[in-house]
């Protein structure tokens, strides 16, 4: 958290500024990967990717990843070599600066209580996959029901 949060704040501000001057989220992708590498370097996190040679560069993929900390953002974004997007909790789009950034990067809102929004979001994700982008999902672990 000591390294991640200040860098997240700096990079968020920079990306929002770049958006204001007209760069799109897709064009910012390489800069986003660069920023994420700097954060993990400063945090002394050694990111190693194995098996990427087995992926087809022109294919779309769905990556399922466990989400355990703020640093996941920095590790995952740099580790996946393809243009990729993800679902984000709809409430995140309301967070100042961060909400602008995830909108800029093309993230898709999802809300467990809003079926209409979710249908639209899944259709948008399908369009992105068909257009060649990959997608990241962070499935939520659900505790097994206890016998009562």
N, C-alpha and C. Protein backbone atom coordinates (compact mmCIF):
# COMPACT_ATOMS: atom_id res chain seq x y z
N UNK A 1 0.84 -1.20 0.00
CA UNK A 1 0.00 0.00 0.00
C UNK A 1 0.87 1.24 0.00
N UNK A 2 2.03 1.21 0.68
CA UNK A 2 2.89 2.38 0.77
C UNK A 2 3.33 2.90 -0.59
N UNK A 3 3.64 2.03 -1.52
CA UNK A 3 4.07 2.43 -2.86
C UNK A 3 2.88 2.54 -3.80
N UNK A 4 1.96 1.60 -3.70
CA UNK A 4 0.85 1.52 -4.66
C UNK A 4 -0.05 2.74 -4.67
N UNK A 5 -0.49 3.18 -3.51
CA UNK A 5 -1.47 4.26 -3.45
C UNK A 5 -0.93 5.59 -4.00
N UNK A 6 0.28 6.05 -3.58
CA UNK A 6 0.79 7.30 -4.17
C UNK A 6 0.97 7.21 -5.68
N UNK A 7 1.44 6.07 -6.15
CA UNK A 7 1.62 5.92 -7.59
C UNK A 7 0.29 5.86 -8.31
N UNK A 8 -0.67 5.16 -7.72
CA UNK A 8 -2.00 5.11 -8.32
C UNK A 8 -2.55 6.52 -8.46
N UNK A 9 -2.40 7.33 -7.43
CA UNK A 9 -2.88 8.71 -7.46
C UNK A 9 -2.18 9.51 -8.56
N UNK A 10 -0.86 9.41 -8.63
CA UNK A 10 -0.11 10.15 -9.66
C UNK A 10 -0.52 9.72 -11.06
N UNK A 11 -0.52 8.41 -11.31
CA UNK A 11 -0.82 7.92 -12.66
C UNK A 11 -2.27 8.19 -13.04
N UNK A 12 -3.18 8.10 -12.07
CA UNK A 12 -4.58 8.41 -12.37
C UNK A 12 -4.70 9.85 -12.86
N UNK A 13 -4.06 10.75 -12.13
CA UNK A 13 -4.10 12.16 -12.53
C UNK A 13 -3.51 12.39 -13.91
N UNK A 14 -2.39 11.75 -14.19
CA UNK A 14 -1.74 11.89 -15.49
C UNK A 14 -2.64 11.37 -16.61
N UNK A 15 -3.25 10.20 -16.41
CA UNK A 15 -4.11 9.63 -17.44
C UNK A 15 -5.35 10.49 -17.68
N UNK A 16 -5.90 11.03 -16.62
CA UNK A 16 -7.07 11.90 -16.79
C UNK A 16 -6.66 13.15 -17.56
N UNK A 17 -5.50 13.71 -17.26
CA UNK A 17 -5.00 14.87 -18.00
C UNK A 17 -4.79 14.52 -19.47
N UNK A 18 -4.20 13.37 -19.76
CA UNK A 18 -3.99 12.95 -21.15
C UNK A 18 -5.31 12.75 -21.87
N UNK A 19 -6.31 12.27 -21.14
CA UNK A 19 -7.64 12.13 -21.73
C UNK A 19 -8.19 13.49 -22.14
N UNK A 20 -7.97 14.49 -21.32
CA UNK A 20 -8.48 15.84 -21.61
C UNK A 20 -7.85 16.42 -22.87
N UNK A 21 -6.63 15.97 -23.20
CA UNK A 21 -6.00 16.49 -24.41
C UNK A 21 -6.26 15.60 -25.62
N UNK A 22 -7.08 14.55 -25.42
CA UNK A 22 -7.57 13.82 -26.58
C UNK A 22 -7.01 12.43 -26.85
N UNK A 23 -6.24 11.85 -25.95
CA UNK A 23 -5.78 10.49 -26.18
C UNK A 23 -6.83 9.51 -25.70
N UNK A 24 -7.04 8.44 -26.46
CA UNK A 24 -8.06 7.45 -26.09
C UNK A 24 -7.47 6.41 -25.15
N UNK A 25 -8.36 5.66 -24.51
CA UNK A 25 -7.94 4.61 -23.60
C UNK A 25 -7.05 3.58 -24.26
N UNK A 26 -7.38 3.19 -25.48
CA UNK A 26 -6.57 2.18 -26.17
C UNK A 26 -5.16 2.70 -26.42
N UNK A 27 -5.03 3.96 -26.80
CA UNK A 27 -3.70 4.53 -27.05
C UNK A 27 -2.91 4.67 -25.75
N UNK A 28 -3.61 4.75 -24.63
CA UNK A 28 -2.93 4.87 -23.35
C UNK A 28 -2.51 3.52 -22.79
N UNK A 29 -2.89 2.44 -23.44
CA UNK A 29 -2.62 1.10 -22.93
C UNK A 29 -1.14 0.87 -22.67
N UNK A 30 -0.28 1.21 -23.61
CA UNK A 30 1.16 1.00 -23.43
C UNK A 30 1.69 1.85 -22.27
N UNK A 31 1.20 3.07 -22.15
CA UNK A 31 1.62 3.91 -21.04
C UNK A 31 1.13 3.33 -19.71
N UNK A 32 -0.06 2.76 -19.72
CA UNK A 32 -0.58 2.11 -18.52
C UNK A 32 0.29 0.94 -18.09
N UNK A 33 0.72 0.14 -19.04
CA UNK A 33 1.59 -1.00 -18.73
C UNK A 33 2.94 -0.50 -18.19
N UNK A 34 3.46 0.57 -18.78
CA UNK A 34 4.70 1.17 -18.31
C UNK A 34 4.55 1.64 -16.86
N UNK A 35 3.46 2.34 -16.57
CA UNK A 35 3.22 2.85 -15.21
C UNK A 35 3.13 1.69 -14.22
N UNK A 36 2.46 0.63 -14.60
CA UNK A 36 2.31 -0.53 -13.71
C UNK A 36 3.66 -1.19 -13.45
N UNK A 37 4.52 -1.25 -14.46
CA UNK A 37 5.86 -1.82 -14.26
C UNK A 37 6.67 -0.96 -13.29
N UNK A 38 6.54 0.35 -13.38
CA UNK A 38 7.28 1.23 -12.46
C UNK A 38 6.83 1.02 -11.02
N UNK A 39 5.54 0.86 -10.82
CA UNK A 39 5.02 0.66 -9.46
C UNK A 39 5.53 -0.65 -8.88
N UNK A 40 5.45 -1.74 -9.65
CA UNK A 40 5.93 -3.01 -9.11
C UNK A 40 7.45 -3.00 -8.93
N UNK A 41 8.18 -2.31 -9.80
CA UNK A 41 9.62 -2.17 -9.61
C UNK A 41 9.93 -1.47 -8.30
N UNK A 42 9.25 -0.35 -8.05
CA UNK A 42 9.47 0.40 -6.82
C UNK A 42 9.08 -0.39 -5.57
N UNK A 43 8.07 -1.23 -5.71
CA UNK A 43 7.62 -2.06 -4.58
C UNK A 43 8.46 -3.33 -4.45
N UNK A 44 9.43 -3.49 -5.36
CA UNK A 44 10.30 -4.66 -5.39
C UNK A 44 9.50 -5.96 -5.56
N UNK A 45 8.48 -5.86 -6.40
CA UNK A 45 7.69 -7.04 -6.75
C UNK A 45 8.21 -7.55 -8.08
N UNK A 46 8.68 -8.77 -8.09
CA UNK A 46 9.21 -9.38 -9.31
C UNK A 46 8.07 -10.08 -10.02
N UNK A 47 7.65 -9.54 -11.15
CA UNK A 47 6.55 -10.11 -11.92
C UNK A 47 7.14 -11.01 -12.99
N UNK A 48 6.78 -12.29 -12.93
CA UNK A 48 7.23 -13.26 -13.94
C UNK A 48 6.00 -13.83 -14.61
N UNK A 49 6.04 -13.88 -15.91
CA UNK A 49 4.92 -14.43 -16.68
C UNK A 49 5.41 -15.72 -17.36
N UNK A 50 4.64 -16.76 -17.18
CA UNK A 50 5.00 -18.03 -17.80
C UNK A 50 3.84 -18.49 -18.68
N UNK A 51 4.19 -19.09 -19.80
CA UNK A 51 3.18 -19.68 -20.68
C UNK A 51 2.60 -18.74 -21.72
N UNK A 52 3.05 -17.49 -21.74
CA UNK A 52 2.51 -16.54 -22.72
C UNK A 52 2.79 -16.98 -24.16
N UNK A 53 3.86 -17.75 -24.35
CA UNK A 53 4.18 -18.22 -25.70
C UNK A 53 3.13 -19.18 -26.24
N UNK A 54 2.29 -19.71 -25.38
CA UNK A 54 1.24 -20.62 -25.83
C UNK A 54 -0.02 -19.88 -26.30
N UNK A 55 -0.07 -18.59 -26.07
CA UNK A 55 -1.23 -17.80 -26.48
C UNK A 55 -1.05 -17.31 -27.92
N UNK A 56 -2.14 -17.23 -28.64
CA UNK A 56 -2.12 -16.73 -30.02
C UNK A 56 -2.29 -15.21 -29.98
N UNK A 57 -1.36 -14.44 -30.53
CA UNK A 57 -1.43 -12.98 -30.46
C UNK A 57 -2.69 -12.38 -31.08
N UNK A 58 -3.29 -13.05 -32.04
CA UNK A 58 -4.46 -12.49 -32.71
C UNK A 58 -5.78 -13.02 -32.14
N UNK A 59 -5.73 -13.74 -31.03
CA UNK A 59 -6.94 -14.30 -30.42
C UNK A 59 -7.39 -13.44 -29.24
N UNK A 60 -8.64 -13.57 -28.89
CA UNK A 60 -9.18 -12.94 -27.68
C UNK A 60 -9.21 -13.97 -26.57
N UNK A 61 -8.96 -13.52 -25.36
CA UNK A 61 -8.95 -14.42 -24.21
C UNK A 61 -9.76 -13.83 -23.07
N UNK A 62 -10.23 -14.72 -22.22
CA UNK A 62 -10.84 -14.32 -20.96
C UNK A 62 -9.91 -14.84 -19.86
N UNK A 63 -9.35 -13.91 -19.11
CA UNK A 63 -8.44 -14.25 -18.02
C UNK A 63 -9.22 -14.15 -16.71
N UNK A 64 -9.18 -15.21 -15.90
CA UNK A 64 -9.85 -15.21 -14.58
C UNK A 64 -8.76 -15.13 -13.51
N UNK A 65 -8.86 -14.13 -12.67
CA UNK A 65 -7.79 -13.82 -11.73
C UNK A 65 -8.36 -13.61 -10.34
N UNK A 66 -7.66 -14.14 -9.34
CA UNK A 66 -8.03 -13.86 -7.96
C UNK A 66 -7.61 -12.43 -7.62
N UNK A 67 -8.47 -11.71 -6.97
CA UNK A 67 -8.20 -10.31 -6.61
C UNK A 67 -8.02 -10.26 -5.10
N UNK A 68 -6.78 -9.97 -4.67
CA UNK A 68 -6.52 -10.00 -3.23
C UNK A 68 -6.00 -8.68 -2.67
N UNK A 69 -5.49 -7.77 -3.53
CA UNK A 69 -4.97 -6.52 -3.00
C UNK A 69 -4.93 -5.44 -4.08
N UNK A 70 -4.64 -4.22 -3.67
CA UNK A 70 -4.50 -3.11 -4.60
C UNK A 70 -3.39 -3.37 -5.62
N UNK A 71 -2.37 -4.10 -5.24
CA UNK A 71 -1.25 -4.36 -6.15
C UNK A 71 -1.66 -5.26 -7.32
N UNK A 72 -2.76 -5.98 -7.19
CA UNK A 72 -3.23 -6.81 -8.30
C UNK A 72 -3.39 -5.99 -9.58
N UNK A 73 -3.91 -4.80 -9.45
CA UNK A 73 -4.10 -3.90 -10.60
C UNK A 73 -2.79 -3.73 -11.36
N UNK A 74 -1.73 -3.45 -10.64
CA UNK A 74 -0.43 -3.19 -11.27
C UNK A 74 0.20 -4.44 -11.87
N UNK A 75 0.04 -5.56 -11.20
CA UNK A 75 0.62 -6.82 -11.68
C UNK A 75 -0.14 -7.32 -12.91
N UNK A 76 -1.45 -7.39 -12.80
CA UNK A 76 -2.27 -7.95 -13.88
C UNK A 76 -2.17 -7.10 -15.14
N UNK A 77 -2.27 -5.79 -15.00
CA UNK A 77 -2.29 -4.93 -16.19
C UNK A 77 -1.01 -5.06 -17.00
N UNK A 78 0.13 -5.16 -16.32
CA UNK A 78 1.39 -5.28 -17.06
C UNK A 78 1.65 -6.69 -17.55
N UNK A 79 1.11 -7.68 -16.85
CA UNK A 79 1.43 -9.07 -17.19
C UNK A 79 0.72 -9.57 -18.44
N UNK A 80 -0.46 -9.04 -18.71
CA UNK A 80 -1.20 -9.49 -19.89
C UNK A 80 -0.76 -8.64 -21.08
N UNK A 81 -0.12 -9.25 -22.07
CA UNK A 81 0.47 -8.47 -23.16
C UNK A 81 -0.53 -7.93 -24.18
N UNK A 82 -1.79 -8.25 -24.03
CA UNK A 82 -2.80 -7.85 -25.01
C UNK A 82 -3.67 -6.74 -24.46
N UNK A 83 -4.33 -6.05 -25.39
CA UNK A 83 -5.34 -5.09 -24.99
C UNK A 83 -6.42 -5.86 -24.24
N UNK A 84 -6.71 -5.45 -23.03
CA UNK A 84 -7.72 -6.14 -22.25
C UNK A 84 -8.47 -5.15 -21.38
N UNK A 85 -9.69 -5.52 -21.06
CA UNK A 85 -10.55 -4.72 -20.21
C UNK A 85 -11.20 -5.63 -19.20
N UNK A 86 -11.95 -5.05 -18.27
CA UNK A 86 -12.59 -5.86 -17.24
C UNK A 86 -13.89 -5.23 -16.78
N UNK A 87 -14.65 -6.02 -16.03
CA UNK A 87 -15.81 -5.48 -15.34
C UNK A 87 -15.31 -4.73 -14.12
N UNK A 88 -16.01 -3.67 -13.78
CA UNK A 88 -15.72 -2.92 -12.55
C UNK A 88 -17.04 -2.70 -11.84
N UNK A 89 -17.02 -2.75 -10.55
CA UNK A 89 -18.20 -2.44 -9.76
C UNK A 89 -18.69 -1.06 -10.19
N UNK A 90 -19.97 -0.94 -10.48
CA UNK A 90 -20.54 0.32 -10.96
C UNK A 90 -20.24 1.47 -10.00
N UNK A 91 -20.15 1.19 -8.71
CA UNK A 91 -19.85 2.24 -7.72
C UNK A 91 -18.47 2.84 -7.95
N UNK A 92 -17.54 2.08 -8.51
CA UNK A 92 -16.19 2.60 -8.76
C UNK A 92 -16.20 3.75 -9.76
N UNK A 93 -17.19 3.78 -10.65
CA UNK A 93 -17.26 4.84 -11.65
C UNK A 93 -17.63 6.18 -11.02
N UNK A 94 -18.08 6.16 -9.76
CA UNK A 94 -18.45 7.39 -9.06
C UNK A 94 -17.29 7.96 -8.25
N UNK A 95 -16.18 7.23 -8.13
CA UNK A 95 -15.03 7.69 -7.35
C UNK A 95 -14.29 8.76 -8.15
N UNK A 96 -14.09 9.95 -7.54
CA UNK A 96 -13.38 11.01 -8.27
C UNK A 96 -12.03 10.53 -8.80
N UNK A 97 -11.67 10.94 -9.95
CA UNK A 97 -10.45 10.64 -10.69
C UNK A 97 -10.41 9.16 -11.11
N UNK A 98 -10.51 8.24 -10.16
CA UNK A 98 -10.48 6.82 -10.50
C UNK A 98 -11.62 6.45 -11.44
N UNK A 99 -12.81 6.95 -11.17
CA UNK A 99 -13.96 6.69 -12.04
C UNK A 99 -13.71 7.18 -13.46
N UNK A 100 -13.09 8.36 -13.58
CA UNK A 100 -12.75 8.88 -14.91
C UNK A 100 -11.74 7.98 -15.60
N UNK A 101 -10.77 7.49 -14.84
CA UNK A 101 -9.73 6.66 -15.43
C UNK A 101 -10.30 5.34 -15.95
N UNK A 102 -11.10 4.67 -15.15
CA UNK A 102 -11.62 3.38 -15.62
C UNK A 102 -12.57 3.56 -16.80
N UNK A 103 -13.28 4.67 -16.83
CA UNK A 103 -14.13 4.98 -17.99
C UNK A 103 -13.24 5.22 -19.21
N UNK A 104 -12.18 5.99 -19.03
CA UNK A 104 -11.23 6.28 -20.09
C UNK A 104 -10.62 5.01 -20.68
N UNK A 105 -10.28 4.07 -19.82
CA UNK A 105 -9.67 2.83 -20.27
C UNK A 105 -10.68 1.82 -20.81
N UNK A 106 -11.96 2.15 -20.76
CA UNK A 106 -12.96 1.28 -21.37
C UNK A 106 -13.45 0.15 -20.48
N UNK A 107 -13.28 0.29 -19.18
CA UNK A 107 -13.80 -0.73 -18.27
C UNK A 107 -15.32 -0.71 -18.31
N UNK A 108 -15.93 -1.79 -17.90
CA UNK A 108 -17.38 -1.95 -18.04
C UNK A 108 -18.02 -2.06 -16.66
N UNK A 109 -19.04 -1.22 -16.39
CA UNK A 109 -19.69 -1.27 -15.07
C UNK A 109 -20.58 -2.50 -14.91
N UNK A 110 -20.60 -3.00 -13.69
CA UNK A 110 -21.46 -4.13 -13.35
C UNK A 110 -22.00 -3.90 -11.94
N UNK A 111 -23.23 -4.31 -11.72
CA UNK A 111 -23.87 -4.12 -10.42
C UNK A 111 -24.73 -5.33 -10.15
N UNK A 112 -24.45 -6.04 -9.09
CA UNK A 112 -25.17 -7.28 -8.78
C UNK A 112 -26.68 -7.08 -8.69
N UNK A 113 -27.13 -5.88 -8.42
CA UNK A 113 -28.56 -5.61 -8.22
C UNK A 113 -29.25 -5.02 -9.45
N UNK A 114 -28.50 -4.77 -10.53
CA UNK A 114 -29.06 -4.11 -11.70
C UNK A 114 -28.98 -5.03 -12.92
N UNK A 115 -30.00 -5.82 -13.14
CA UNK A 115 -29.99 -6.80 -14.22
C UNK A 115 -29.89 -6.15 -15.59
N UNK A 116 -30.57 -5.02 -15.76
CA UNK A 116 -30.53 -4.34 -17.06
C UNK A 116 -29.10 -3.84 -17.37
N UNK A 117 -28.46 -3.23 -16.40
CA UNK A 117 -27.08 -2.78 -16.59
C UNK A 117 -26.19 -3.97 -16.91
N UNK A 118 -26.35 -5.05 -16.18
CA UNK A 118 -25.51 -6.22 -16.39
C UNK A 118 -25.70 -6.82 -17.78
N UNK A 119 -26.94 -6.85 -18.27
CA UNK A 119 -27.18 -7.35 -19.62
C UNK A 119 -26.44 -6.49 -20.64
N UNK A 120 -26.53 -5.17 -20.49
CA UNK A 120 -25.83 -4.26 -21.39
C UNK A 120 -24.32 -4.46 -21.28
N UNK A 121 -23.84 -4.66 -20.06
CA UNK A 121 -22.40 -4.83 -19.83
C UNK A 121 -21.89 -6.11 -20.47
N UNK A 122 -22.65 -7.19 -20.33
CA UNK A 122 -22.21 -8.44 -20.95
C UNK A 122 -22.24 -8.35 -22.47
N UNK A 123 -23.21 -7.64 -23.03
CA UNK A 123 -23.23 -7.43 -24.48
C UNK A 123 -22.02 -6.62 -24.92
N UNK A 124 -21.67 -5.60 -24.15
CA UNK A 124 -20.48 -4.78 -24.46
C UNK A 124 -19.21 -5.63 -24.38
N UNK A 125 -19.11 -6.48 -23.37
CA UNK A 125 -17.94 -7.36 -23.24
C UNK A 125 -17.86 -8.32 -24.44
N UNK A 126 -19.00 -8.84 -24.86
CA UNK A 126 -19.02 -9.73 -26.02
C UNK A 126 -18.53 -8.98 -27.27
N UNK A 127 -18.98 -7.75 -27.45
CA UNK A 127 -18.53 -6.93 -28.59
C UNK A 127 -17.02 -6.74 -28.54
N UNK A 128 -16.50 -6.45 -27.38
CA UNK A 128 -15.06 -6.23 -27.23
C UNK A 128 -14.28 -7.49 -27.58
N UNK A 129 -14.76 -8.64 -27.09
CA UNK A 129 -14.09 -9.90 -27.40
C UNK A 129 -14.12 -10.19 -28.90
N UNK A 130 -15.26 -9.97 -29.51
CA UNK A 130 -15.38 -10.20 -30.96
C UNK A 130 -14.50 -9.24 -31.76
N UNK A 131 -14.26 -8.06 -31.22
CA UNK A 131 -13.42 -7.07 -31.90
C UNK A 131 -11.93 -7.32 -31.68
N UNK A 132 -11.60 -8.31 -30.85
CA UNK A 132 -10.19 -8.67 -30.68
C UNK A 132 -9.57 -8.35 -29.34
N UNK A 133 -10.29 -7.67 -28.47
CA UNK A 133 -9.75 -7.40 -27.13
C UNK A 133 -9.90 -8.63 -26.26
N UNK A 134 -9.10 -8.72 -25.24
CA UNK A 134 -9.25 -9.78 -24.24
C UNK A 134 -9.96 -9.19 -23.04
N UNK A 135 -10.35 -10.05 -22.12
CA UNK A 135 -11.15 -9.60 -20.99
C UNK A 135 -10.65 -10.26 -19.72
N UNK A 136 -10.64 -9.49 -18.64
CA UNK A 136 -10.22 -9.98 -17.34
C UNK A 136 -11.44 -9.99 -16.42
N UNK A 137 -11.63 -11.09 -15.73
CA UNK A 137 -12.69 -11.15 -14.72
C UNK A 137 -12.06 -11.55 -13.40
N UNK A 138 -12.58 -11.00 -12.36
CA UNK A 138 -12.15 -11.30 -11.01
C UNK A 138 -13.32 -11.99 -10.31
N UNK A 139 -13.45 -13.33 -10.51
CA UNK A 139 -14.60 -14.02 -9.92
C UNK A 139 -14.53 -13.92 -8.40
N UNK A 140 -15.66 -13.71 -7.83
CA UNK A 140 -15.74 -13.58 -6.38
C UNK A 140 -15.99 -14.96 -5.78
N UNK A 141 -15.16 -15.31 -4.83
CA UNK A 141 -15.35 -16.58 -4.14
C UNK A 141 -16.55 -16.46 -3.22
N UNK A 142 -17.40 -17.44 -3.27
CA UNK A 142 -18.59 -17.45 -2.43
C UNK A 142 -18.45 -18.58 -1.42
N UNK A 143 -18.59 -18.24 -0.16
CA UNK A 143 -18.46 -19.25 0.89
C UNK A 143 -19.59 -20.27 0.75
N UNK A 144 -19.30 -21.54 0.95
CA UNK A 144 -20.35 -22.55 0.84
C UNK A 144 -21.41 -22.33 1.91
N UNK A 145 -22.64 -22.64 1.55
CA UNK A 145 -23.74 -22.50 2.51
C UNK A 145 -23.56 -23.52 3.64
N UNK A 146 -23.90 -23.09 4.82
CA UNK A 146 -23.80 -24.00 5.96
C UNK A 146 -25.13 -24.69 6.17
N UNK A 147 -25.06 -25.91 6.59
CA UNK A 147 -26.28 -26.67 6.86
C UNK A 147 -26.97 -26.07 8.08
N UNK A 148 -28.25 -25.92 8.00
CA UNK A 148 -28.93 -25.26 9.11
C UNK A 148 -29.95 -26.05 9.65
